[in-house]
């Protein structure tokens, strides 16, 4: 799939939103990518995961891992397509949040990926921090990370920012304007923060609202 085709797919499933949003990083924006909207559409999810697998065919990927929750779905589909492309079994696992801002690989998945070539998948990255933590967790479990592939890179995230894997692939690059909360003109203009998607509810809670 080309970048334009992936963008068309995201528009088709209603992943693009306009309004007043708060990102995971705490920055505010007038645009939002609701990547979870795609997961309601198995065919479209399968399509983008097929492209993720195609990007890494021939790399000897033995397992695919993504951070819970959404990227666990990407992991499943990407591993499926990688297995179909390579004609062999490819494992699908995911990393859990550890409750302290990081990720941990448990449920026996750490032993499953030890010594194996692993591909890390993610749906959306703004700073690269979450992906990097999954890369580090996989390496700590003894996996050999061959690359990282993300559906949407909205923060010009570099290979170094995601843990400096051998390869870093992005299906769609988006430059969404964002700014610190204290510099948010939407806040100053009294535009309500969206509390249904993003982290607006948590932001308002911290403001005592």
Protein backbone atom coordinates (compact mmCIF):
# COMPACT_ATOMS: atom_id res chain seq x y z
CA UNK A 1 0.00 0.00 0.00
CA UNK A 2 1.14 3.52 -0.74
CA UNK A 3 0.97 6.26 1.88
CA UNK A 4 -2.00 7.79 0.03
CA UNK A 5 -3.84 4.47 0.13
CA UNK A 6 -3.29 4.13 3.87
CA UNK A 7 -4.52 7.70 4.38
CA UNK A 8 -7.64 6.93 2.36
CA UNK A 9 -8.25 3.87 4.52
CA UNK A 10 -7.95 5.90 7.74
CA UNK A 11 -10.38 8.47 6.38
CA UNK A 12 -12.80 5.72 5.36
CA UNK A 13 -13.00 4.31 8.91
CA UNK A 14 -13.38 7.76 10.50
CA UNK A 15 -9.98 7.93 12.18
CA UNK A 16 -9.47 11.67 11.55
CA UNK A 17 -11.14 14.05 14.04
CA UNK A 18 -11.19 17.86 14.44
CA UNK A 19 -11.76 19.77 17.70
CA UNK A 20 -9.76 20.29 20.91
CA UNK A 21 -7.75 17.28 22.03
CA UNK A 22 -5.10 16.32 24.55
CA UNK A 23 -2.40 13.86 23.50
CA UNK A 24 -0.75 11.25 25.71
CA UNK A 25 2.25 13.61 25.94
CA UNK A 26 -0.01 16.30 27.45
CA UNK A 27 0.23 18.53 24.40
CA UNK A 28 -2.95 20.00 22.90
CA UNK A 29 -4.07 19.96 19.27
CA UNK A 30 -7.00 20.82 17.03
CA UNK A 31 -6.63 17.49 15.19
CA UNK A 32 -6.65 13.90 16.39
CA UNK A 33 -6.06 10.47 14.90
CA UNK A 34 -8.51 8.07 16.51
CA UNK A 35 -6.57 4.96 15.51
CA UNK A 36 -8.91 2.77 17.57
CA UNK A 37 -11.62 3.48 14.99
CA UNK A 38 -9.78 1.22 12.56
CA UNK A 39 -9.94 -1.80 14.85
CA UNK A 40 -13.70 -2.04 14.38
CA UNK A 41 -12.99 -2.90 10.73
CA UNK A 42 -11.16 -6.25 10.47
CA UNK A 43 -10.68 -6.05 6.70
CA UNK A 44 -9.01 -2.64 6.84
CA UNK A 45 -6.92 -3.65 9.86
CA UNK A 46 -5.80 -6.73 7.98
CA UNK A 47 -4.84 -4.60 4.97
CA UNK A 48 -2.47 -2.33 6.88
CA UNK A 49 -0.97 -5.29 8.73
CA UNK A 50 -0.33 -7.05 5.44
CA UNK A 51 1.67 -3.99 4.41
CA UNK A 52 3.59 -4.08 7.71
CA UNK A 53 4.48 -7.71 7.08
CA UNK A 54 5.49 -7.00 3.47
CA UNK A 55 7.95 -4.35 4.66
CA UNK A 56 9.86 -6.99 6.63
CA UNK A 57 9.58 -10.11 4.48
CA UNK A 58 12.89 -11.89 4.14
CA UNK A 59 14.12 -10.56 7.49
CA UNK A 60 13.52 -13.88 9.26
CA UNK A 61 10.89 -12.50 11.64
CA UNK A 62 9.87 -15.24 14.09
CA UNK A 63 7.56 -13.24 16.35
CA UNK A 64 5.69 -9.93 16.31
CA UNK A 65 5.07 -7.87 19.44
CA UNK A 66 3.13 -4.68 20.14
CA UNK A 67 2.19 -2.70 23.24
CA UNK A 68 -1.27 -3.39 24.68
CA UNK A 69 -3.97 -2.61 23.93
CA UNK A 70 -4.45 -1.62 20.30
CA UNK A 71 -1.12 -2.77 18.93
CA UNK A 72 -1.83 -6.27 20.24
CA UNK A 73 -4.37 -6.47 17.42
CA UNK A 74 -1.76 -5.26 14.93
CA UNK A 75 0.63 -7.89 16.25
CA UNK A 76 -1.89 -10.68 15.64
CA UNK A 77 -2.69 -9.69 12.07
CA UNK A 78 0.91 -8.86 11.14
CA UNK A 79 2.14 -12.21 12.46
CA UNK A 80 -0.62 -13.94 10.49
CA UNK A 81 0.35 -12.26 7.24
CA UNK A 82 4.06 -12.74 7.87
CA UNK A 83 3.39 -16.45 8.32
CA UNK A 84 1.42 -16.54 5.07
CA UNK A 85 4.18 -14.69 3.19
CA UNK A 86 7.02 -16.79 4.60
CA UNK A 87 5.14 -20.10 4.66
CA UNK A 88 5.90 -20.81 8.31
CA UNK A 89 4.58 -20.12 11.80
CA UNK A 90 5.19 -16.65 13.24
CA UNK A 91 4.25 -15.97 16.85
CA UNK A 92 2.14 -13.02 18.00
CA UNK A 93 2.59 -11.61 21.52
CA UNK A 94 2.09 -8.31 23.30
CA UNK A 95 3.62 -6.25 26.09
CA UNK A 96 1.57 -5.17 29.11
CA UNK A 97 1.83 -1.81 30.86
CA UNK A 98 3.76 -2.24 34.10
CA UNK A 99 1.84 0.46 36.01
CA UNK A 100 4.93 2.65 36.27
CA UNK A 101 5.02 4.14 32.81
CA UNK A 102 6.82 1.23 31.19
CA UNK A 103 6.07 -2.13 29.65
CA UNK A 104 6.63 -5.70 30.74
CA UNK A 105 6.43 -8.93 28.77
CA UNK A 106 4.72 -11.64 30.79
CA UNK A 107 2.18 -14.48 30.33
CA UNK A 108 5.11 -16.66 29.25
CA UNK A 109 5.64 -14.48 26.17
CA UNK A 110 9.09 -13.47 27.41
CA UNK A 111 10.26 -17.09 27.17
CA UNK A 112 8.53 -17.50 23.80
CA UNK A 113 10.50 -14.67 22.17
CA UNK A 114 13.86 -15.32 23.86
CA UNK A 115 16.51 -15.86 21.18
CA UNK A 116 14.08 -15.09 18.35
CA UNK A 117 14.03 -12.40 15.68
CA UNK A 118 11.23 -10.03 16.65
CA UNK A 119 9.36 -7.25 14.87
CA UNK A 120 7.82 -4.49 17.02
CA UNK A 121 4.57 -2.94 15.76
CA UNK A 122 2.67 0.14 16.92
CA UNK A 123 -0.32 2.09 15.63
CA UNK A 124 0.57 5.68 16.51
CA UNK A 125 3.75 7.33 17.74
CA UNK A 126 4.25 10.94 18.77
CA UNK A 127 7.52 10.87 20.73
CA UNK A 128 8.61 7.25 20.27
CA UNK A 129 8.76 6.66 24.01
CA UNK A 130 6.27 3.79 24.23
CA UNK A 131 7.78 1.97 21.27
CA UNK A 132 11.27 2.35 22.71
CA UNK A 133 10.13 0.81 26.00
CA UNK A 134 8.70 -2.21 24.16
CA UNK A 135 11.93 -2.57 22.18
CA UNK A 136 13.91 -2.48 25.42
CA UNK A 137 11.57 -4.98 27.11
CA UNK A 138 11.90 -7.38 24.18
CA UNK A 139 15.69 -7.08 24.23
CA UNK A 140 15.73 -7.63 27.99
CA UNK A 141 13.79 -10.87 27.37
CA UNK A 142 16.57 -12.01 25.03
CA UNK A 143 14.85 -11.22 21.72
CA UNK A 144 16.69 -9.89 18.69
CA UNK A 145 14.68 -6.89 17.47
CA UNK A 146 15.01 -6.71 13.68
CA UNK A 147 12.88 -3.62 13.28
CA UNK A 148 9.97 -1.40 14.24
CA UNK A 149 7.00 -0.53 12.02
CA UNK A 150 4.29 2.00 12.91
CA UNK A 151 1.02 2.80 11.20
CA UNK A 152 1.23 6.53 11.76
CA UNK A 153 4.20 8.71 12.75
CA UNK A 154 2.71 12.04 13.80
CA UNK A 155 5.75 13.54 15.50
CA UNK A 156 8.61 13.11 13.01
CA UNK A 157 9.88 10.38 15.32
CA UNK A 158 13.34 9.11 14.39
CA UNK A 159 14.86 5.63 14.50
CA UNK A 160 16.95 6.70 17.48
CA UNK A 161 13.84 7.77 19.42
CA UNK A 162 12.30 4.28 19.16
CA UNK A 163 15.40 2.50 20.46
CA UNK A 164 17.59 2.56 17.35
CA UNK A 165 16.47 -0.75 15.81
CA UNK A 166 18.14 -1.94 12.59
CA UNK A 167 15.13 -0.67 10.61
CA UNK A 168 12.30 1.75 11.34
CA UNK A 169 9.35 1.86 8.92
CA UNK A 170 6.31 4.13 8.88
CA UNK A 171 3.20 3.63 6.74
CA UNK A 172 1.97 7.24 7.10
CA UNK A 173 3.76 10.42 8.13
CA UNK A 174 1.51 13.16 9.53
CA UNK A 175 2.55 16.55 10.83
CA UNK A 176 -0.19 17.47 13.30
CA UNK A 177 0.28 20.81 15.01
CA UNK A 178 0.38 20.57 18.80
CA UNK A 179 1.47 22.82 21.65
CA UNK A 180 1.96 22.81 25.43
CA UNK A 181 -1.22 23.26 27.48
CA UNK A 182 -0.07 26.64 28.78
CA UNK A 183 0.25 27.90 25.18
CA UNK A 184 -3.06 26.48 23.94
CA UNK A 185 -5.15 29.11 22.15
CA UNK A 186 -8.11 26.71 22.20
CA UNK A 187 -8.02 26.74 26.01
CA UNK A 188 -7.66 30.51 26.05
CA UNK A 189 -10.61 30.80 23.68
CA UNK A 190 -12.79 28.61 25.87
CA UNK A 191 -13.10 25.80 23.32
CA UNK A 192 -14.17 22.69 25.29
CA UNK A 193 -11.66 19.85 25.56
CA UNK A 194 -12.87 16.60 24.03
CA UNK A 195 -13.22 14.08 26.87
CA UNK A 196 -14.38 11.16 24.74
CA UNK A 197 -11.15 10.58 22.86
CA UNK A 198 -7.58 11.32 23.84
CA UNK A 199 -6.61 12.36 27.35
CA UNK A 200 -8.90 15.35 27.79
CA UNK A 201 -10.72 13.90 30.79
CA UNK A 202 -7.47 13.35 32.68
CA UNK A 203 -6.33 16.87 31.81
CA UNK A 204 -9.52 18.43 33.15
CA UNK A 205 -9.33 16.30 36.29
CA UNK A 206 -5.88 17.67 37.04
CA UNK A 207 -7.27 21.16 36.52
CA UNK A 208 -9.94 20.43 39.10
CA UNK A 209 -12.72 20.64 36.52
